[in-house]
All heavy atoms as atom14 arrays in JSON, in Angstrom:
{
  "sequence": "VLFSVRETKTENYESKSYYKAFSFDATNGKELKLKDLFLPGYEDSFK",
  "atom14_mask": [
    [1, 1, 1, 1, 1, 1, 1, 0, 0, 0, 0, 0, 0, 0],
    [1, 1, 1, 1, 1, 1, 1, 1, 0, 0, 0, 0, 0, 0],
    [1, 1, 1, 1, 1, 1, 1, 1, 1, 1, 1, 0, 0, 0],
    [1, 1, 1, 1, 1, 1, 0, 0, 0, 0, 0, 0, 0, 0],
    [1, 1, 1, 1, 1, 1, 1, 0, 0, 0, 0, 0, 0, 0],
    [1, 1, 1, 1, 1, 1, 1, 1, 1, 1, 1, 0, 0, 0],
    [1, 1, 1, 1, 1, 1, 1, 1, 1, 0, 0, 0, 0, 0],
    [1, 1, 1, 1, 1, 1, 1, 0, 0, 0, 0, 0, 0, 0],
    [1, 1, 1, 1, 1, 1, 1, 1, 1, 0, 0, 0, 0, 0],
    [1, 1, 1, 1, 1, 1, 1, 0, 0, 0, 0, 0, 0, 0],
    [1, 1, 1, 1, 1, 1, 1, 1, 1, 0, 0, 0, 0, 0],
    [1, 1, 1, 1, 1, 1, 1, 1, 0, 0, 0, 0, 0, 0],
    [1, 1, 1, 1, 1, 1, 1, 1, 1, 1, 1, 1, 0, 0],
    [1, 1, 1, 1, 1, 1, 1, 1, 1, 0, 0, 0, 0, 0],
    [1, 1, 1, 1, 1, 1, 0, 0, 0, 0, 0, 0, 0, 0],
    [1, 1, 1, 1, 1, 1, 1, 1, 1, 0, 0, 0, 0, 0],
    [1, 1, 1, 1, 1, 1, 0, 0, 0, 0, 0, 0, 0, 0],
    [1, 1, 1, 1, 1, 1, 1, 1, 1, 1, 1, 1, 0, 0],
    [1, 1, 1, 1, 1, 1, 1, 1, 1, 1, 1, 1, 0, 0],
    [1, 1, 1, 1, 1, 1, 1, 1, 1, 0, 0, 0, 0, 0],
    [1, 1, 1, 1, 1, 0, 0, 0, 0, 0, 0, 0, 0, 0],
    [1, 1, 1, 1, 1, 1, 1, 1, 1, 1, 1, 0, 0, 0],
    [1, 1, 1, 1, 1, 1, 0, 0, 0, 0, 0, 0, 0, 0],
    [1, 1, 1, 1, 1, 1, 1, 1, 1, 1, 1, 0, 0, 0],
    [1, 1, 1, 1, 1, 1, 1, 1, 0, 0, 0, 0, 0, 0],
    [1, 1, 1, 1, 1, 0, 0, 0, 0, 0, 0, 0, 0, 0],
    [1, 1, 1, 1, 1, 1, 1, 0, 0, 0, 0, 0, 0, 0],
    [1, 1, 1, 1, 1, 1, 1, 1, 0, 0, 0, 0, 0, 0],
    [1, 1, 1, 1, 0, 0, 0, 0, 0, 0, 0, 0, 0, 0],
    [1, 1, 1, 1, 1, 1, 1, 1, 1, 0, 0, 0, 0, 0],
    [1, 1, 1, 1, 1, 1, 1, 1, 1, 0, 0, 0, 0, 0],
    [1, 1, 1, 1, 1, 1, 1, 1, 0, 0, 0, 0, 0, 0],
    [1, 1, 1, 1, 1, 1, 1, 1, 1, 0, 0, 0, 0, 0],
    [1, 1, 1, 1, 1, 1, 1, 1, 0, 0, 0, 0, 0, 0],
    [1, 1, 1, 1, 1, 1, 1, 1, 1, 0, 0, 0, 0, 0],
    [1, 1, 1, 1, 1, 1, 1, 1, 0, 0, 0, 0, 0, 0],
    [1, 1, 1, 1, 1, 1, 1, 1, 0, 0, 0, 0, 0, 0],
    [1, 1, 1, 1, 1, 1, 1, 1, 1, 1, 1, 0, 0, 0],
    [1, 1, 1, 1, 1, 1, 1, 1, 0, 0, 0, 0, 0, 0],
    [1, 1, 1, 1, 1, 1, 1, 0, 0, 0, 0, 0, 0, 0],
    [1, 1, 1, 1, 0, 0, 0, 0, 0, 0, 0, 0, 0, 0],
    [1, 1, 1, 1, 1, 1, 1, 1, 1, 1, 1, 1, 0, 0],
    [1, 1, 1, 1, 1, 1, 1, 1, 1, 0, 0, 0, 0, 0],
    [1, 1, 1, 1, 1, 1, 1, 1, 0, 0, 0, 0, 0, 0],
    [1, 1, 1, 1, 1, 1, 0, 0, 0, 0, 0, 0, 0, 0],
    [1, 1, 1, 1, 1, 1, 1, 1, 1, 1, 1, 0, 0, 0],
    [1, 1, 1, 1, 1, 1, 1, 1, 1, 0, 0, 0, 0, 0]
  ],
  "atom14_positions": [
    [[42.24, -28.43, 57.99], [43.05, -28.26, 56.81], [42.2, -27.71, 55.69], [41.06, -28.13, 55.47], [43.66, -29.73, 56.34], [44.58, -29.45, 55.11], [44.26, -30.33, 57.41], [0.0, 0.0, 0.0], [0.0, 0.0, 0.0], [0.0, 0.0, 0.0], [0.0, 0.0, 0.0], [0.0, 0.0, 0.0], [0.0, 0.0, 0.0], [0.0, 0.0, 0.0]],
    [[42.8, -26.76, 55.07], [42.04, -26.18, 53.8], [42.91, -26.33, 52.5], [44.01, -26.08, 52.38], [41.83, -24.62, 53.96], [41.32, -23.93, 52.7], [39.82, -24.27, 52.63], [41.39, -22.4, 53.02], [0.0, 0.0, 0.0], [0.0, 0.0, 0.0], [0.0, 0.0, 0.0], [0.0, 0.0, 0.0], [0.0, 0.0, 0.0], [0.0, 0.0, 0.0]],
    [[42.32, -27.04, 51.64], [42.92, -27.43, 50.3], [42.39, -26.43, 49.22], [41.17, -26.08, 49.14], [42.4, -28.92, 49.85], [43.12, -29.94, 50.55], [42.48, -30.53, 51.64], [44.41, -30.4, 50.2], [43.21, -31.54, 52.38], [45.05, -31.41, 50.84], [44.41, -31.97, 52.03], [0.0, 0.0, 0.0], [0.0, 0.0, 0.0], [0.0, 0.0, 0.0]],
    [[43.34, -26.03, 48.37], [42.96, -25.2, 47.27], [43.22, -26.16, 45.96], [44.38, -26.6, 45.72], [43.91, -23.95, 47.14], [43.83, -23.17, 46.07], [0.0, 0.0, 0.0], [0.0, 0.0, 0.0], [0.0, 0.0, 0.0], [0.0, 0.0, 0.0], [0.0, 0.0, 0.0], [0.0, 0.0, 0.0], [0.0, 0.0, 0.0], [0.0, 0.0, 0.0]],
    [[42.2, -26.2, 45.17], [42.16, -27.17, 44.02], [42.05, -26.32, 42.77], [41.04, -25.6, 42.68], [41.21, -28.24, 44.22], [41.18, -29.22, 42.98], [41.3, -29.02, 45.49], [0.0, 0.0, 0.0], [0.0, 0.0, 0.0], [0.0, 0.0, 0.0], [0.0, 0.0, 0.0], [0.0, 0.0, 0.0], [0.0, 0.0, 0.0], [0.0, 0.0, 0.0]],
    [[42.9, -26.62, 41.85], [42.69, -26.29, 40.43], [42.67, -27.41, 39.41], [43.61, -28.04, 39.44], [43.77, -25.03, 40.03], [43.45, -24.45, 38.72], [44.45, -23.33, 38.35], [44.16, -22.66, 37.12], [43.43, -21.84, 36.84], [42.61, -21.35, 37.88], [43.27, -21.35, 35.55], [0.0, 0.0, 0.0], [0.0, 0.0, 0.0], [0.0, 0.0, 0.0]],
    [[41.65, -27.64, 38.59], [41.63, -28.58, 37.71], [41.62, -28.01, 36.24], [40.77, -27.06, 35.98], [40.41, -29.48, 37.88], [40.3, -30.14, 39.32], [38.83, -30.95, 39.35], [38.19, -31.12, 38.47], [38.75, -31.54, 40.44], [0.0, 0.0, 0.0], [0.0, 0.0, 0.0], [0.0, 0.0, 0.0], [0.0, 0.0, 0.0], [0.0, 0.0, 0.0]],
    [[42.38, -28.53, 35.46], [42.55, -28.08, 34.03], [42.43, -29.22, 33.08], [43.16, -30.27, 33.25], [43.82, -27.26, 33.84], [44.08, -26.33, 34.71], [43.9, -26.79, 32.33], [0.0, 0.0, 0.0], [0.0, 0.0, 0.0], [0.0, 0.0, 0.0], [0.0, 0.0, 0.0], [0.0, 0.0, 0.0], [0.0, 0.0, 0.0], [0.0, 0.0, 0.0]],
    [[41.36, -29.26, 32.2], [41.26, -30.3, 31.25], [42.36, -30.21, 30.13], [42.77, -29.09, 29.63], [39.88, -30.05, 30.62], [38.72, -30.25, 31.48], [38.68, -31.75, 32.02], [37.48, -31.95, 32.88], [37.41, -33.32, 33.56], [0.0, 0.0, 0.0], [0.0, 0.0, 0.0], [0.0, 0.0, 0.0], [0.0, 0.0, 0.0], [0.0, 0.0, 0.0]],
    [[43.06, -31.26, 29.9], [44.19, -31.24, 28.98], [43.79, -30.97, 27.46], [44.62, -30.47, 26.7], [45.08, -32.53, 29.12], [44.14, -33.68, 29.04], [45.64, -32.62, 30.49], [0.0, 0.0, 0.0], [0.0, 0.0, 0.0], [0.0, 0.0, 0.0], [0.0, 0.0, 0.0], [0.0, 0.0, 0.0], [0.0, 0.0, 0.0], [0.0, 0.0, 0.0]],
    [[42.57, -31.4, 27.24], [42.19, -31.35, 25.79], [41.72, -29.95, 25.28], [41.96, -29.6, 24.16], [41.02, -32.37, 25.32], [39.72, -32.13, 26.03], [39.66, -32.8, 27.48], [40.73, -33.28, 27.99], [38.46, -33.03, 27.97], [0.0, 0.0, 0.0], [0.0, 0.0, 0.0], [0.0, 0.0, 0.0], [0.0, 0.0, 0.0], [0.0, 0.0, 0.0]],
    [[41.19, -29.29, 26.17], [40.65, -27.84, 25.75], [41.18, -26.75, 26.79], [40.87, -25.63, 26.67], [39.18, -27.9, 25.82], [38.54, -28.31, 27.0], [39.11, -28.27, 28.23], [37.2, -28.68, 27.07], [0.0, 0.0, 0.0], [0.0, 0.0, 0.0], [0.0, 0.0, 0.0], [0.0, 0.0, 0.0], [0.0, 0.0, 0.0], [0.0, 0.0, 0.0]],
    [[41.94, -27.12, 27.86], [42.39, -26.21, 28.93], [41.37, -25.46, 29.72], [41.74, -24.42, 30.2], [43.41, -25.21, 28.11], [44.53, -25.83, 27.52], [44.68, -26.06, 26.14], [45.63, -26.39, 28.29], [45.74, -26.76, 25.43], [46.8, -26.96, 27.63], [46.7, -27.19, 26.24], [47.74, -27.78, 25.69], [0.0, 0.0, 0.0], [0.0, 0.0, 0.0]],
    [[40.1, -25.85, 29.74], [39.11, -25.34, 30.56], [39.51, -25.72, 32.09], [40.05, -26.86, 32.28], [37.76, -25.95, 30.22], [37.22, -25.45, 29.0], [35.77, -25.91, 28.76], [35.31, -26.73, 29.61], [35.18, -25.5, 27.68], [0.0, 0.0, 0.0], [0.0, 0.0, 0.0], [0.0, 0.0, 0.0], [0.0, 0.0, 0.0], [0.0, 0.0, 0.0]],
    [[39.3, -24.8, 32.88], [39.85, -24.91, 34.19], [38.81, -24.52, 35.23], [37.96, -23.69, 34.88], [41.09, -24.29, 34.51], [40.98, -22.86, 34.36], [0.0, 0.0, 0.0], [0.0, 0.0, 0.0], [0.0, 0.0, 0.0], [0.0, 0.0, 0.0], [0.0, 0.0, 0.0], [0.0, 0.0, 0.0], [0.0, 0.0, 0.0], [0.0, 0.0, 0.0]],
    [[38.98, -24.94, 36.48], [38.05, -24.51, 37.51], [38.77, -24.71, 38.77], [39.67, -25.45, 38.93], [36.75, -25.39, 37.6], [36.87, -26.86, 37.98], [35.62, -27.51, 38.03], [35.79, -28.93, 38.46], [34.39, -29.61, 38.59], [0.0, 0.0, 0.0], [0.0, 0.0, 0.0], [0.0, 0.0, 0.0], [0.0, 0.0, 0.0], [0.0, 0.0, 0.0]],
    [[38.53, -23.69, 39.71], [39.22, -23.65, 40.99], [38.23, -23.73, 42.05], [37.02, -23.14, 42.0], [40.06, -22.35, 41.11], [41.01, -22.29, 40.2], [0.0, 0.0, 0.0], [0.0, 0.0, 0.0], [0.0, 0.0, 0.0], [0.0, 0.0, 0.0], [0.0, 0.0, 0.0], [0.0, 0.0, 0.0], [0.0, 0.0, 0.0], [0.0, 0.0, 0.0]],
    [[38.51, -24.5, 43.08], [37.59, -24.49, 44.25], [38.39, -24.97, 45.54], [39.57, -25.13, 45.59], [36.4, -25.53, 44.04], [36.94, -26.92, 43.74], [37.03, -27.9, 44.68], [37.25, -27.31, 42.44], [37.52, -29.15, 44.45], [37.68, -28.55, 42.11], [37.75, -29.49, 43.11], [38.18, -30.85, 42.85], [0.0, 0.0, 0.0], [0.0, 0.0, 0.0]],
    [[37.76, -24.96, 46.55], [38.28, -25.18, 47.94], [37.56, -26.47, 48.63], [36.35, -26.71, 48.43], [38.18, -24.0, 48.9], [38.82, -22.85, 48.48], [38.22, -21.86, 47.68], [40.23, -22.56, 48.6], [38.91, -20.7, 47.16], [40.91, -21.51, 48.26], [40.25, -20.63, 47.49], [40.83, -19.5, 46.94], [0.0, 0.0, 0.0], [0.0, 0.0, 0.0]],
    [[38.38, -27.13, 49.45], [37.83, -28.27, 50.22], [38.47, -28.2, 51.53], [39.77, -28.1, 51.65], [38.07, -29.54, 49.42], [37.63, -30.8, 50.25], [36.12, -30.91, 50.49], [35.7, -32.19, 51.23], [34.32, -32.22, 51.4], [0.0, 0.0, 0.0], [0.0, 0.0, 0.0], [0.0, 0.0, 0.0], [0.0, 0.0, 0.0], [0.0, 0.0, 0.0]],
    [[37.63, -28.27, 52.57], [38.2, -28.28, 53.93], [37.93, -29.52, 54.75], [36.9, -30.14, 54.57], [37.79, -27.1, 54.6], [0.0, 0.0, 0.0], [0.0, 0.0, 0.0], [0.0, 0.0, 0.0], [0.0, 0.0, 0.0], [0.0, 0.0, 0.0], [0.0, 0.0, 0.0], [0.0, 0.0, 0.0], [0.0, 0.0, 0.0], [0.0, 0.0, 0.0]],
    [[38.81, -29.89, 55.64], [38.5, -31.0, 56.53], [38.84, -30.45, 58.03], [39.94, -29.8, 58.14], [39.38, -32.21, 56.26], [39.0, -32.87, 54.86], [39.72, -32.37, 53.89], [38.05, -33.83, 54.84], [39.36, -33.13, 52.64], [37.78, -34.41, 53.61], [38.41, -34.06, 52.48], [0.0, 0.0, 0.0], [0.0, 0.0, 0.0], [0.0, 0.0, 0.0]],
    [[38.06, -30.88, 58.91], [38.28, -30.47, 60.21], [38.13, -31.84, 61.24], [37.32, -32.71, 60.91], [37.47, -29.41, 60.84], [37.61, -28.16, 60.22], [0.0, 0.0, 0.0], [0.0, 0.0, 0.0], [0.0, 0.0, 0.0], [0.0, 0.0, 0.0], [0.0, 0.0, 0.0], [0.0, 0.0, 0.0], [0.0, 0.0, 0.0], [0.0, 0.0, 0.0]],
    [[39.02, -32.05, 62.07], [39.01, -33.31, 62.97], [39.14, -32.96, 64.36], [39.73, -31.97, 64.73], [40.19, -34.15, 62.46], [40.24, -34.51, 61.06], [41.03, -33.64, 60.06], [39.73, -35.52, 60.56], [41.06, -34.03, 58.74], [39.67, -35.89, 59.22], [40.23, -35.02, 58.3], [0.0, 0.0, 0.0], [0.0, 0.0, 0.0], [0.0, 0.0, 0.0]],
    [[38.48, -33.73, 65.07], [38.57, -33.72, 66.67], [40.0, -34.34, 66.88], [40.31, -35.57, 66.59], [37.5, -34.57, 67.18], [37.52, -34.65, 68.73], [38.49, -34.32, 69.35], [36.29, -34.81, 69.27], [0.0, 0.0, 0.0], [0.0, 0.0, 0.0], [0.0, 0.0, 0.0], [0.0, 0.0, 0.0], [0.0, 0.0, 0.0], [0.0, 0.0, 0.0]],
    [[40.72, -33.64, 67.59], [42.16, -34.11, 67.84], [42.14, -35.1, 68.89], [43.27, -35.83, 68.96], [43.01, -32.81, 68.33], [0.0, 0.0, 0.0], [0.0, 0.0, 0.0], [0.0, 0.0, 0.0], [0.0, 0.0, 0.0], [0.0, 0.0, 0.0], [0.0, 0.0, 0.0], [0.0, 0.0, 0.0], [0.0, 0.0, 0.0], [0.0, 0.0, 0.0]],
    [[41.07, -35.36, 69.72], [41.16, -36.31, 70.71], [40.83, -37.76, 70.24], [41.11, -38.61, 70.93], [40.13, -35.9, 71.9], [38.83, -35.92, 71.27], [40.47, -34.53, 72.31], [0.0, 0.0, 0.0], [0.0, 0.0, 0.0], [0.0, 0.0, 0.0], [0.0, 0.0, 0.0], [0.0, 0.0, 0.0], [0.0, 0.0, 0.0], [0.0, 0.0, 0.0]],
    [[40.14, -37.75, 69.02], [39.72, -39.16, 68.71], [40.03, -39.35, 67.22], [39.61, -40.49, 66.56], [38.34, -39.41, 69.07], [37.44, -38.41, 68.5], [37.58, -37.74, 67.58], [36.31, -38.44, 69.18], [0.0, 0.0, 0.0], [0.0, 0.0, 0.0], [0.0, 0.0, 0.0], [0.0, 0.0, 0.0], [0.0, 0.0, 0.0], [0.0, 0.0, 0.0]],
    [[40.31, -38.28, 66.49], [40.57, -38.47, 64.97], [39.3, -38.34, 64.17], [39.27, -38.44, 62.89], [0.0, 0.0, 0.0], [0.0, 0.0, 0.0], [0.0, 0.0, 0.0], [0.0, 0.0, 0.0], [0.0, 0.0, 0.0], [0.0, 0.0, 0.0], [0.0, 0.0, 0.0], [0.0, 0.0, 0.0], [0.0, 0.0, 0.0], [0.0, 0.0, 0.0]],
    [[38.12, -38.12, 64.78], [36.76, -38.08, 64.08], [36.69, -36.81, 63.1], [37.08, -35.78, 63.61], [35.78, -38.19, 65.04], [34.31, -38.03, 64.35], [33.13, -37.92, 65.38], [31.89, -37.71, 64.9], [30.89, -37.56, 65.89], [0.0, 0.0, 0.0], [0.0, 0.0, 0.0], [0.0, 0.0, 0.0], [0.0, 0.0, 0.0], [0.0, 0.0, 0.0]],
    [[36.34, -36.97, 61.97], [36.03, -35.86, 61.1], [34.73, -35.05, 61.6], [33.77, -35.62, 62.03], [35.64, -36.28, 59.68], [35.51, -35.13, 58.75], [35.24, -35.47, 57.2], [35.29, -36.7, 56.95], [35.07, -34.62, 56.42], [0.0, 0.0, 0.0], [0.0, 0.0, 0.0], [0.0, 0.0, 0.0], [0.0, 0.0, 0.0], [0.0, 0.0, 0.0]],
    [[34.98, -33.77, 61.64], [33.96, -32.87, 62.29], [33.07, -32.31, 61.18], [33.64, -31.74, 60.18], [34.48, -31.78, 63.07], [35.36, -32.19, 64.3], [36.02, -31.06, 64.95], [34.28, -32.76, 65.32], [0.0, 0.0, 0.0], [0.0, 0.0, 0.0], [0.0, 0.0, 0.0], [0.0, 0.0, 0.0], [0.0, 0.0, 0.0], [0.0, 0.0, 0.0]],
    [[31.76, -32.45, 61.28], [30.71, -31.76, 60.43], [30.32, -30.45, 61.21], [30.57, -30.29, 62.39], [29.56, -32.59, 60.12], [29.95, -33.84, 59.38], [30.76, -33.72, 58.17], [30.95, -35.08, 57.46], [31.7, -34.85, 56.31], [0.0, 0.0, 0.0], [0.0, 0.0, 0.0], [0.0, 0.0, 0.0], [0.0, 0.0, 0.0], [0.0, 0.0, 0.0]],
    [[29.8, -29.48, 60.47], [29.5, -28.19, 61.07], [28.43, -28.44, 62.23], [28.59, -27.79, 63.28], [28.75, -27.28, 60.0], [28.56, -25.87, 60.5], [29.84, -25.14, 60.71], [27.61, -25.11, 59.34], [0.0, 0.0, 0.0], [0.0, 0.0, 0.0], [0.0, 0.0, 0.0], [0.0, 0.0, 0.0], [0.0, 0.0, 0.0], [0.0, 0.0, 0.0]],
    [[27.5, -29.37, 62.04], [26.61, -29.66, 63.26], [27.21, -30.14, 64.42], [26.69, -30.01, 65.56], [25.46, -30.66, 62.73], [26.14, -32.05, 62.45], [24.93, -33.03, 62.07], [25.48, -34.35, 61.82], [24.53, -35.35, 61.58], [0.0, 0.0, 0.0], [0.0, 0.0, 0.0], [0.0, 0.0, 0.0], [0.0, 0.0, 0.0], [0.0, 0.0, 0.0]],
    [[28.39, -30.74, 64.26], [29.15, -31.25, 65.52], [29.72, -30.23, 66.47], [30.04, -30.42, 67.58], [30.33, -32.25, 65.05], [29.87, -33.38, 64.3], [28.78, -33.98, 64.61], [30.59, -33.87, 63.27], [0.0, 0.0, 0.0], [0.0, 0.0, 0.0], [0.0, 0.0, 0.0], [0.0, 0.0, 0.0], [0.0, 0.0, 0.0], [0.0, 0.0, 0.0]],
    [[29.81, -28.98, 65.91], [30.39, -27.91, 66.55], [29.35, -27.11, 67.3], [29.67, -26.43, 68.24], [31.04, -26.93, 65.53], [31.99, -27.41, 64.51], [32.58, -26.18, 63.76], [33.17, -28.15, 65.25], [0.0, 0.0, 0.0], [0.0, 0.0, 0.0], [0.0, 0.0, 0.0], [0.0, 0.0, 0.0], [0.0, 0.0, 0.0], [0.0, 0.0, 0.0]],
    [[28.16, -27.39, 67.07], [26.93, -26.55, 67.71], [26.03, -27.33, 68.51], [25.93, -28.57, 68.34], [26.17, -25.93, 66.55], [26.84, -24.73, 65.82], [27.74, -25.15, 64.64], [26.79, -23.5, 66.21], [28.29, -24.0, 64.06], [27.4, -22.48, 65.43], [28.17, -22.75, 64.43], [0.0, 0.0, 0.0], [0.0, 0.0, 0.0], [0.0, 0.0, 0.0]],
    [[25.41, -26.55, 69.34], [24.26, -27.25, 70.14], [23.14, -27.45, 69.19], [22.9, -26.76, 68.18], [23.92, -26.25, 71.26], [24.93, -26.02, 72.37], [24.55, -24.8, 73.24], [25.2, -27.32, 73.11], [0.0, 0.0, 0.0], [0.0, 0.0, 0.0], [0.0, 0.0, 0.0], [0.0, 0.0, 0.0], [0.0, 0.0, 0.0], [0.0, 0.0, 0.0]],
    [[22.24, -28.35, 69.58], [20.98, -28.58, 68.71], [20.22, -27.24, 68.46], [20.08, -26.47, 69.45], [20.22, -29.62, 69.59], [21.21, -30.26, 70.33], [22.24, -29.23, 70.55], [0.0, 0.0, 0.0], [0.0, 0.0, 0.0], [0.0, 0.0, 0.0], [0.0, 0.0, 0.0], [0.0, 0.0, 0.0], [0.0, 0.0, 0.0], [0.0, 0.0, 0.0]],
    [[19.59, -27.08, 67.34], [18.73, -26.12, 67.02], [19.46, -24.64, 66.77], [18.97, -23.55, 66.78], [0.0, 0.0, 0.0], [0.0, 0.0, 0.0], [0.0, 0.0, 0.0], [0.0, 0.0, 0.0], [0.0, 0.0, 0.0], [0.0, 0.0, 0.0], [0.0, 0.0, 0.0], [0.0, 0.0, 0.0], [0.0, 0.0, 0.0], [0.0, 0.0, 0.0]],
    [[20.74, -24.82, 66.34], [21.64, -23.62, 66.06], [21.31, -22.99, 64.87], [21.75, -21.75, 64.61], [23.08, -24.06, 66.07], [23.47, -24.8, 64.86], [24.03, -24.16, 63.72], [23.39, -26.19, 64.71], [24.5, -24.91, 62.57], [23.68, -26.83, 63.61], [24.2, -26.25, 62.48], [24.53, -26.91, 61.43], [0.0, 0.0, 0.0], [0.0, 0.0, 0.0]],
    [[20.59, -23.61, 63.82], [20.68, -23.26, 62.39], [20.09, -21.88, 62.34], [20.67, -21.03, 61.55], [19.79, -24.22, 61.61], [20.43, -25.58, 61.47], [20.13, -26.53, 62.57], [19.49, -26.02, 63.51], [20.3, -27.64, 62.35], [0.0, 0.0, 0.0], [0.0, 0.0, 0.0], [0.0, 0.0, 0.0], [0.0, 0.0, 0.0], [0.0, 0.0, 0.0]],
    [[18.99, -21.46, 62.76], [18.33, -20.07, 62.59], [19.19, -19.03, 63.11], [19.37, -17.99, 62.51], [16.9, -20.07, 63.22], [15.94, -21.01, 62.44], [16.19, -21.26, 61.36], [14.89, -21.13, 63.18], [0.0, 0.0, 0.0], [0.0, 0.0, 0.0], [0.0, 0.0, 0.0], [0.0, 0.0, 0.0], [0.0, 0.0, 0.0], [0.0, 0.0, 0.0]],
    [[19.8, -19.25, 64.35], [20.58, -18.2, 64.93], [21.89, -17.99, 64.11], [22.3, -16.8, 64.01], [20.92, -18.57, 66.3], [19.73, -18.54, 67.09], [0.0, 0.0, 0.0], [0.0, 0.0, 0.0], [0.0, 0.0, 0.0], [0.0, 0.0, 0.0], [0.0, 0.0, 0.0], [0.0, 0.0, 0.0], [0.0, 0.0, 0.0], [0.0, 0.0, 0.0]],
    [[22.46, -18.99, 63.71], [23.66, -18.96, 63.02], [23.38, -18.27, 61.51], [24.21, -17.54, 61.03], [24.34, -20.31, 62.83], [25.81, -20.25, 62.27], [26.75, -19.14, 62.85], [26.23, -21.2, 61.37], [27.99, -19.17, 62.28], [27.54, -21.03, 60.88], [28.56, -20.04, 61.28], [0.0, 0.0, 0.0], [0.0, 0.0, 0.0], [0.0, 0.0, 0.0]],
    [[22.33, -18.75, 60.99], [22.01, -18.15, 59.58], [21.87, -16.69, 59.72], [22.26, -15.9, 58.96], [20.84, -18.79, 59.05], [20.28, -18.26, 57.69], [19.16, -18.93, 57.17], [18.75, -18.53, 55.8], [17.58, -19.23, 55.22], [0.0, 0.0, 0.0], [0.0, 0.0, 0.0], [0.0, 0.0, 0.0], [0.0, 0.0, 0.0], [0.0, 0.0, 0.0]]
  ]
}
């Protein structure tokens, strides 16, 4: 799931926009972090 968020301060109308994403293992409901998707030692190659 990808969320699109926009926050606006009511006193001065300053706003900011950003995104937040969540991914889950459908077999057990566990939240997935990036490292959960990869084999150990993936960082350099993926970078």
